Amino acid sequence: MEAMPHTVRQIAERVQAVLEVLTPVHIGCGIRWQKNLDFVVDDEEGTYVIPEHVLISYLQEHPESLAYFEDEQRRAELLRETEGGIEYELPCRGGEILVFMRDGNGQPYVPGSSLKGALRTVIFRHFWEQLDQGRKQRLLAKTGEKRESAAQPLVREVLGRDPNHDLLRVLAVFDLPVYQEDLDLYRLFIFNLTDPKGRRYGWRNVPRKRSFSDIRDATPIYAEMLRPGTQGILSLRLDRFLLDDERAERELHFRNKLSLEQLARWANRHARYLLEREQAFLEQCDDGGLQRLLDSIDRLLQLIPAKDTPEEGKRFLLHLGWSSGWRSMTGDYLEKENLNAIRKKIWLELRQKEKSTQIPCFPKNAKDCL
């Protein structure tokens, strides 16, 4: 990471860092492209996507095509004729594609808010671990009834009581533009635990509400994702005034709580914690079919700088994007007893009882990308 000139650092410390994608990453915009409406598929040529702005331009130039647009077969033919679309080699066997985040001009980008959210988890986890057990238990007793906001009392206590006093106001992470060439179409499957001890698994077929040992029987999910190896220049900024000024210290108490070097070290230690935990879980389930996943985790572990070395404060791994799951959210701070109590409190346990097989592990599924 390269710091900006010293004159800027008096008020704000801003660095530019290289972000490199290590595994496929999907950050969704909430849009799902529909087959024969937004894209067409050819077994030999792959998937051809026609973004909305491209289709509108085509229809403006060929208004006579509107008369045929309600017929699905004719519409598919029109889509194939439309130039300027996106070509993916992988044929989409499903009916929809999860769309990567794009700006108003249709250009893909990595939102700074997504990156900051991942860093927020790292920061929360660090300060949570600094609390003694008694204080943790008192805070856990305050958790709310609603699943969507159950952790808010804890977050306010650890990071700040309101937005004005939230430690995260000192950190700004800027959007990172990427290119269409950095995206590809990937197929994913849901990995689902299937026995009460949480040691056997299957691949989820969503319509049939069953899991199968053969992944070919599972429901594929298709998503646009950043390719591994994609790189871009990422900008981060720390507000030095709020961190160092005596007047800010009297009100906010942020002094010495955060630096970019500390953030890198915390992120690396959190990444190691997540990966080792995932590794242990998969080893417990492995029947010989998960070796590729285990090898991938081992490669990522090898990339984390050694603890307490200068390198640990310069580069770090960050778990980001859709399907990163519960363990990458702020909520992954609960010990087993607390987790069971929270599950019961917000009715997750009731949902488990409605199923024929009760799984003690939480969560009991994940997504595997191929």
Protein backbone atom coordinates (compact mmCIF):
# COMPACT_ATOMS: atom_id res chain seq x y z
CA MET A 1 0.00 0.00 0.00
CA GLU A 2 1.29 3.41 -0.92
CA ALA A 3 0.50 6.41 1.31
CA MET A 4 -0.49 9.81 -0.09
CA PRO A 5 1.70 12.90 0.54
CA HIS A 6 2.22 13.98 4.16
CA THR A 7 0.22 17.21 3.75
CA VAL A 8 -2.91 15.16 3.19
CA ARG A 9 -2.24 12.89 6.15
CA GLN A 10 -2.61 15.79 8.60
CA ILE A 11 -6.37 15.54 8.15
CA ALA A 12 -6.79 12.18 6.44
CA GLU A 13 -4.56 9.19 5.83
CA ARG A 14 -5.26 7.86 2.36
CA VAL A 15 -3.64 4.86 0.75
CA GLN A 16 -3.92 3.16 -2.58
CA ALA A 17 -3.69 -0.61 -2.58
CA VAL A 18 -3.88 -3.33 -5.19
CA LEU A 19 -6.95 -5.52 -4.86
CA GLU A 20 -6.54 -8.97 -6.42
CA VAL A 21 -9.37 -11.50 -6.75
CA LEU A 22 -8.25 -14.94 -5.54
CA THR A 23 -11.47 -16.92 -6.00
CA PRO A 24 -14.61 -16.15 -8.06
CA VAL A 25 -16.57 -13.28 -6.46
CA HIS A 26 -20.20 -12.33 -7.01
CA ILE A 27 -21.56 -9.04 -5.67
CA GLY A 28 -25.17 -8.91 -6.73
CA CYS A 29 -27.27 -5.91 -7.71
CA GLY A 30 -30.59 -7.68 -7.07
CA ILE A 31 -31.36 -8.19 -10.77
CA ARG A 32 -31.84 -11.64 -12.31
CA TRP A 33 -31.61 -11.98 -16.06
CA GLN A 34 -34.34 -14.22 -17.47
CA LYS A 35 -33.86 -16.79 -20.22
CA ASN A 36 -35.26 -15.79 -23.62
CA LEU A 37 -35.96 -12.33 -22.27
CA ASP A 38 -32.50 -11.09 -21.26
CA PHE A 39 -30.35 -13.90 -22.64
CA VAL A 40 -30.41 -16.85 -25.02
CA VAL A 41 -28.44 -20.08 -24.85
CA ASP A 42 -26.74 -22.23 -27.46
CA ASP A 43 -25.10 -25.48 -26.39
CA GLU A 44 -22.15 -24.88 -28.72
CA GLU A 45 -21.82 -21.08 -28.54
CA GLY A 46 -22.65 -20.61 -24.86
CA THR A 47 -24.77 -17.86 -23.33
CA TYR A 48 -25.51 -14.56 -25.04
CA VAL A 49 -26.77 -11.75 -22.78
CA ILE A 50 -28.48 -8.64 -24.14
CA PRO A 51 -28.45 -5.90 -21.47
CA GLU A 52 -31.53 -3.74 -21.25
CA HIS A 53 -29.92 -0.60 -22.73
CA VAL A 54 -28.67 -2.62 -25.72
CA LEU A 55 -32.12 -4.11 -26.30
CA ILE A 56 -33.82 -0.71 -26.05
CA SER A 57 -31.43 0.74 -28.62
CA TYR A 58 -32.14 -2.19 -30.95
CA LEU A 59 -35.91 -1.78 -30.62
CA GLN A 60 -35.64 1.96 -31.28
CA GLU A 61 -33.83 1.20 -34.53
CA HIS A 62 -36.21 -1.68 -35.41
CA PRO A 63 -39.66 -0.68 -34.07
CA GLU A 64 -41.30 -3.36 -36.22
CA SER A 65 -39.73 -5.98 -33.92
CA LEU A 66 -42.02 -4.95 -31.07
CA ALA A 67 -44.89 -6.77 -32.80
CA TYR A 68 -43.06 -10.08 -32.38
CA PHE A 69 -41.69 -9.49 -28.90
CA GLU A 70 -44.50 -11.21 -26.99
CA ASP A 71 -43.89 -14.51 -28.79
CA GLU A 72 -41.11 -16.31 -26.90
CA GLN A 73 -39.68 -18.13 -29.91
CA ARG A 74 -39.61 -15.00 -32.08
CA ARG A 75 -38.23 -13.01 -29.16
CA ALA A 76 -35.37 -15.48 -28.77
CA GLU A 77 -34.57 -15.06 -32.47
CA LEU A 78 -34.57 -11.27 -32.10
CA LEU A 79 -32.22 -11.48 -29.14
CA ARG A 80 -29.77 -13.55 -31.18
CA GLU A 81 -29.86 -10.90 -33.91
CA THR A 82 -29.16 -8.03 -31.49
CA GLU A 83 -25.54 -6.87 -31.62
CA GLY A 84 -23.54 -5.51 -28.71
CA GLY A 85 -24.44 -8.16 -26.12
CA ILE A 86 -22.25 -10.09 -23.69
CA GLU A 87 -20.91 -13.53 -24.64
CA TYR A 88 -20.13 -16.23 -22.09
CA GLU A 89 -18.76 -19.64 -23.08
CA LEU A 90 -20.70 -21.50 -20.38
CA PRO A 91 -24.23 -22.47 -21.50
CA CYS A 92 -26.75 -21.48 -18.82
CA ARG A 93 -28.88 -24.57 -18.09
CA GLY A 94 -31.12 -22.66 -15.70
CA GLY A 95 -33.78 -20.06 -16.25
CA GLU A 96 -31.98 -17.07 -14.76
CA ILE A 97 -28.60 -15.47 -14.11
CA LEU A 98 -27.64 -13.45 -11.02
CA VAL A 99 -26.29 -10.13 -12.27
CA PHE A 100 -23.09 -8.54 -10.97
CA MET A 101 -23.26 -5.02 -9.54
CA ARG A 102 -23.29 -2.31 -12.22
CA ASP A 103 -23.45 1.48 -12.25
CA GLY A 104 -25.98 3.63 -14.12
CA ASN A 105 -24.03 3.20 -17.34
CA GLY A 106 -24.06 -0.57 -17.08
CA GLN A 107 -20.38 -0.82 -16.09
CA PRO A 108 -19.48 -3.39 -13.41
CA TYR A 109 -17.80 -2.25 -10.21
CA VAL A 110 -16.97 -3.41 -6.70
CA PRO A 111 -18.90 -1.17 -4.26
CA GLY A 112 -16.88 0.45 -1.53
CA SER A 113 -19.80 -0.34 0.79
CA SER A 114 -19.31 -4.08 0.21
CA LEU A 115 -15.61 -3.83 1.00
CA LYS A 116 -16.29 -1.69 4.06
CA GLY A 117 -18.91 -4.17 5.24
CA ALA A 118 -16.34 -6.97 5.13
CA LEU A 119 -13.85 -4.80 7.01
CA ARG A 120 -16.56 -3.92 9.53
CA THR A 121 -16.85 -7.60 10.37
CA VAL A 122 -13.09 -7.77 10.94
CA ILE A 123 -13.12 -4.70 13.20
CA PHE A 124 -16.14 -5.89 15.18
CA ARG A 125 -14.59 -9.31 15.68
CA HIS A 126 -11.34 -7.78 16.99
CA PHE A 127 -13.00 -5.57 19.58
CA TRP A 128 -15.48 -8.27 20.56
CA GLU A 129 -12.58 -10.55 21.43
CA GLN A 130 -11.17 -7.86 23.74
CA LEU A 131 -14.24 -8.05 26.03
CA ASP A 132 -14.22 -10.26 29.10
CA GLN A 133 -16.64 -13.19 29.24
CA GLY A 134 -18.94 -11.56 31.76
CA ARG A 135 -19.46 -8.48 29.63
CA LYS A 136 -20.04 -10.63 26.55
CA GLN A 137 -22.78 -12.56 28.33
CA ARG A 138 -24.47 -9.37 29.52
CA LEU A 139 -24.47 -8.05 25.96
CA LEU A 140 -25.73 -11.30 24.50
CA ALA A 141 -28.68 -11.16 26.88
CA LYS A 142 -29.74 -7.92 25.17
CA THR A 143 -30.08 -9.40 21.70
CA GLY A 144 -33.35 -8.57 19.97
CA GLU A 145 -36.22 -10.74 18.83
CA LYS A 146 -35.94 -9.88 15.12
CA ARG A 147 -33.42 -11.89 13.10
CA GLU A 148 -32.58 -8.92 10.89
CA SER A 149 -31.53 -6.72 13.82
CA ALA A 150 -30.80 -9.18 16.64
CA ALA A 151 -27.16 -8.10 16.92
CA GLN A 152 -27.78 -4.34 17.02
CA PRO A 153 -27.35 -3.98 20.82
CA LEU A 154 -23.95 -5.68 20.56
CA VAL A 155 -22.86 -3.65 17.54
CA ARG A 156 -23.78 -0.38 19.24
CA GLU A 157 -21.87 -1.36 22.36
CA VAL A 158 -18.73 -2.45 20.50
CA LEU A 159 -18.57 0.07 17.64
CA GLY A 160 -20.55 3.04 18.96
CA ARG A 161 -23.98 3.92 20.28
CA ASP A 162 -25.18 5.78 17.15
CA PRO A 163 -23.89 6.78 13.68
CA ASN A 164 -22.17 9.87 15.08
CA HIS A 165 -20.17 7.80 17.56
CA ASP A 166 -19.63 4.74 15.33
CA LEU A 167 -15.93 3.96 14.87
CA LEU A 168 -16.58 3.06 11.23
CA ARG A 169 -17.21 6.74 10.40
CA VAL A 170 -13.43 7.22 10.40
CA LEU A 171 -12.98 4.71 7.54
CA ALA A 172 -13.91 5.40 3.92
CA VAL A 173 -13.56 2.79 1.18
CA PHE A 174 -14.08 3.89 -2.39
CA ASP A 175 -15.75 2.06 -5.26
CA LEU A 176 -13.47 0.03 -7.51
CA PRO A 177 -14.35 0.01 -11.23
CA VAL A 178 -13.79 -3.25 -13.10
CA TYR A 179 -14.32 -4.22 -16.72
CA GLN A 180 -16.73 -6.54 -18.46
CA GLU A 181 -13.69 -8.62 -19.47
CA ASP A 182 -13.08 -9.26 -15.75
CA LEU A 183 -16.42 -11.07 -15.43
CA ASP A 184 -17.36 -14.61 -16.38
CA LEU A 185 -20.38 -16.85 -15.94
CA TYR A 186 -20.08 -19.51 -13.24
CA ARG A 187 -22.22 -22.43 -12.17
CA LEU A 188 -22.75 -23.04 -8.44
CA PHE A 189 -24.30 -25.82 -6.36
CA ILE A 190 -25.60 -25.83 -2.80
CA PHE A 191 -23.66 -28.06 -0.40
CA ASN A 192 -26.08 -29.32 2.26
CA LEU A 193 -25.55 -31.35 5.45
CA THR A 194 -27.85 -34.38 5.59
CA ASP A 195 -27.36 -36.23 8.89
CA PRO A 196 -27.92 -35.26 12.54
CA LYS A 197 -24.20 -35.35 13.36
CA GLY A 198 -23.39 -32.97 10.52
CA ARG A 199 -20.85 -35.33 8.95
CA ARG A 200 -22.59 -36.32 5.73
CA TYR A 201 -23.59 -34.05 2.91
CA GLY A 202 -25.43 -33.89 -0.38
CA TRP A 203 -26.02 -31.46 -3.24
CA ARG A 204 -29.31 -29.62 -2.99
CA ASN A 205 -32.10 -29.95 -5.54
CA VAL A 206 -34.23 -26.90 -4.74
CA PRO A 207 -37.51 -27.77 -6.56
CA ARG A 208 -37.51 -31.31 -5.14
CA LYS A 209 -36.43 -30.12 -1.66
CA ARG A 210 -33.92 -32.95 -1.44
CA SER A 211 -30.17 -33.42 -1.43
CA PHE A 212 -28.38 -35.93 -3.65
CA SER A 213 -24.96 -37.54 -3.50
CA ASP A 214 -24.46 -36.96 -7.24
CA ILE A 215 -23.92 -33.27 -8.00
CA ARG A 216 -25.52 -33.80 -11.41
CA ASP A 217 -28.88 -34.19 -9.65
CA ALA A 218 -28.54 -30.82 -7.91
CA THR A 219 -30.02 -27.49 -8.97
CA PRO A 220 -27.39 -25.28 -10.62
CA ILE A 221 -27.23 -21.57 -9.86
CA TYR A 222 -25.71 -19.28 -12.47
CA ALA A 223 -24.06 -16.01 -11.58
CA GLU A 224 -21.77 -13.40 -13.08
CA MET A 225 -18.56 -13.38 -11.05
CA LEU A 226 -15.19 -11.68 -11.05
CA ARG A 227 -12.51 -13.97 -12.45
CA PRO A 228 -9.60 -15.00 -10.21
CA GLY A 229 -6.59 -12.88 -11.08
CA THR A 230 -8.59 -9.68 -11.64
CA GLN A 231 -6.75 -6.68 -10.22
CA GLY A 232 -7.61 -3.05 -9.56
CA ILE A 233 -6.45 -0.03 -7.56
CA LEU A 234 -8.40 0.35 -4.33
CA SER A 235 -8.46 3.56 -2.28
CA LEU A 236 -9.01 3.68 1.48
CA ARG A 237 -9.03 6.71 3.78
CA LEU A 238 -8.78 7.13 7.54
CA ASP A 239 -10.00 10.36 9.14
CA ARG A 240 -6.98 11.40 11.22
CA PHE A 241 -8.86 14.32 12.79
CA LEU A 242 -11.46 12.08 14.39
CA LEU A 243 -8.77 9.65 15.50
CA ASP A 244 -6.18 12.12 16.86
CA ASP A 245 -7.72 15.51 17.68
CA GLU A 246 -8.14 16.21 21.41
CA ARG A 247 -11.61 17.70 20.95
CA ALA A 248 -12.77 14.64 19.01
CA GLU A 249 -11.19 12.40 21.64
CA ARG A 250 -13.24 13.99 24.44
CA GLU A 251 -16.50 13.15 22.67
CA LEU A 252 -15.75 10.11 20.51
CA HIS A 253 -12.92 8.23 22.29
CA PHE A 254 -11.50 6.92 19.02
CA ARG A 255 -7.83 7.65 19.81
CA ASN A 256 -5.43 4.83 18.91
CA LYS A 257 -8.35 2.52 18.07
CA LEU A 258 -7.64 2.06 14.39
CA SER A 259 -4.85 2.31 11.83
CA LEU A 260 -4.51 0.82 8.38
CA GLU A 261 -1.65 -1.40 9.56
CA GLN A 262 -3.77 -2.67 12.46
CA LEU A 263 -6.64 -3.28 10.09
CA ALA A 264 -4.44 -5.41 7.83
CA ARG A 265 -3.24 -7.49 10.79
CA TRP A 266 -6.77 -8.00 12.13
CA ALA A 267 -8.04 -8.95 8.67
CA ASN A 268 -5.30 -11.57 8.22
CA ARG A 269 -6.00 -13.12 11.60
CA HIS A 270 -9.73 -13.18 10.92
CA ALA A 271 -9.12 -14.75 7.48
CA ARG A 272 -6.97 -17.45 9.09
CA TYR A 273 -9.70 -18.10 11.68
CA LEU A 274 -12.39 -18.46 8.99
CA LEU A 275 -10.30 -20.65 6.71
CA GLU A 276 -9.07 -23.01 9.43
CA ARG A 277 -12.61 -23.38 10.71
CA GLU A 278 -13.90 -24.13 7.21
CA GLN A 279 -11.04 -26.55 6.66
CA ALA A 280 -11.87 -28.48 9.85
CA PHE A 281 -15.54 -28.61 8.91
CA LEU A 282 -14.88 -29.96 5.40
CA GLU A 283 -12.36 -32.51 6.68
CA GLN A 284 -15.05 -33.83 9.02
CA CYS A 285 -17.45 -34.24 6.08
CA ASP A 286 -14.98 -35.36 3.43
CA ASP A 287 -15.71 -38.68 1.77
CA GLY A 288 -13.06 -38.19 -0.89
CA GLY A 289 -15.17 -35.81 -2.96
CA LEU A 290 -14.17 -32.53 -1.31
CA GLN A 291 -10.44 -32.61 -1.93
CA ARG A 292 -10.60 -29.81 -4.49
CA LEU A 293 -12.21 -27.53 -1.93
CA LEU A 294 -9.71 -28.51 0.75
CA ASP A 295 -6.80 -27.84 -1.60
CA SER A 296 -8.25 -24.42 -2.41
CA ILE A 297 -8.47 -23.54 1.29
CA ASP A 298 -4.91 -24.72 1.86
CA ARG A 299 -3.65 -22.47 -0.96
CA LEU A 300 -5.41 -19.48 0.57
CA LEU A 301 -3.94 -20.23 4.01
CA GLN A 302 -0.47 -20.23 2.47
CA LEU A 303 -1.06 -16.68 1.21
CA ILE A 304 -1.69 -15.20 4.66
CA PRO A 305 1.46 -13.46 5.99
CA ALA A 306 2.97 -14.88 9.16
CA LYS A 307 1.70 -13.40 12.41
CA ASP A 308 3.56 -10.38 13.86
CA THR A 309 5.71 -9.87 10.76
CA PRO A 310 5.98 -6.53 8.90
CA GLU A 311 4.31 -8.18 5.90
CA GLU A 312 1.20 -8.92 7.99
CA GLY A 313 0.53 -5.19 8.23
CA LYS A 314 0.90 -4.55 4.49
CA ARG A 315 -1.37 -7.05 2.74
CA PHE A 316 -4.36 -9.10 3.82
CA LEU A 317 -7.06 -11.53 2.72
CA LEU A 318 -10.71 -10.51 2.89
CA HIS A 319 -13.80 -12.71 2.52
CA LEU A 320 -16.18 -10.79 0.27
CA GLY A 321 -19.35 -11.17 -1.75
CA TRP A 322 -22.48 -13.26 -2.11
CA SER A 323 -22.42 -16.78 -0.66
CA SER A 324 -19.68 -15.85 1.83
CA GLY A 325 -22.41 -16.68 4.33
CA TRP A 326 -23.06 -16.43 8.04
CA ARG A 327 -19.45 -16.85 9.07
CA SER A 328 -18.41 -13.74 7.17
CA MET A 329 -21.09 -11.59 8.77
CA THR A 330 -20.90 -9.67 12.01
CA GLY A 331 -22.94 -12.47 13.59
CA ASP A 332 -20.15 -15.04 13.68
CA TYR A 333 -19.09 -14.24 17.23
CA LEU A 334 -21.32 -16.70 19.08
CA GLU A 335 -20.14 -19.69 21.04
CA LYS A 336 -22.24 -22.88 20.82
CA GLU A 337 -24.34 -22.20 23.93
CA ASN A 338 -25.10 -18.63 22.87
CA LEU A 339 -25.87 -19.68 19.30
CA ASN A 340 -28.39 -22.28 20.44
CA ALA A 341 -30.08 -19.71 22.70
CA ILE A 342 -30.28 -17.15 19.90
CA ARG A 343 -31.60 -19.73 17.42
CA LYS A 344 -34.37 -20.64 19.84
CA LYS A 345 -35.14 -17.00 20.54
CA ILE A 346 -35.65 -16.10 16.90
CA TRP A 347 -37.43 -19.34 15.90
CA LEU A 348 -34.68 -20.91 13.82
CA GLU A 349 -34.90 -23.97 16.05
CA LEU A 350 -38.62 -24.26 15.32
CA ARG A 351 -37.85 -24.39 11.63
CA GLN A 352 -35.35 -27.19 12.25
CA LYS A 353 -38.03 -29.24 14.04
CA GLU A 354 -40.27 -29.01 11.01
CA LYS A 355 -37.70 -30.95 8.99
CA SER A 356 -37.33 -34.71 8.99
CA THR A 357 -33.62 -34.47 9.78
CA GLN A 358 -32.45 -32.10 12.49
CA ILE A 359 -28.96 -30.71 11.92
CA PRO A 360 -27.18 -29.26 14.96
CA CYS A 361 -24.71 -27.30 12.85
CA PHE A 362 -25.54 -23.76 11.78
CA PRO A 363 -25.47 -22.93 8.98
CA LYS A 364 -25.93 -26.34 7.37
CA ASN A 365 -25.38 -25.35 3.73
CA ALA A 366 -22.94 -23.44 1.55
CA LYS A 367 -22.36 -22.86 -2.14
CA ASP A 368 -19.65 -24.42 -4.25
CA CYS A 369 -18.57 -22.72 -7.46
CA LEU A 370 -17.55 -24.63 -10.58
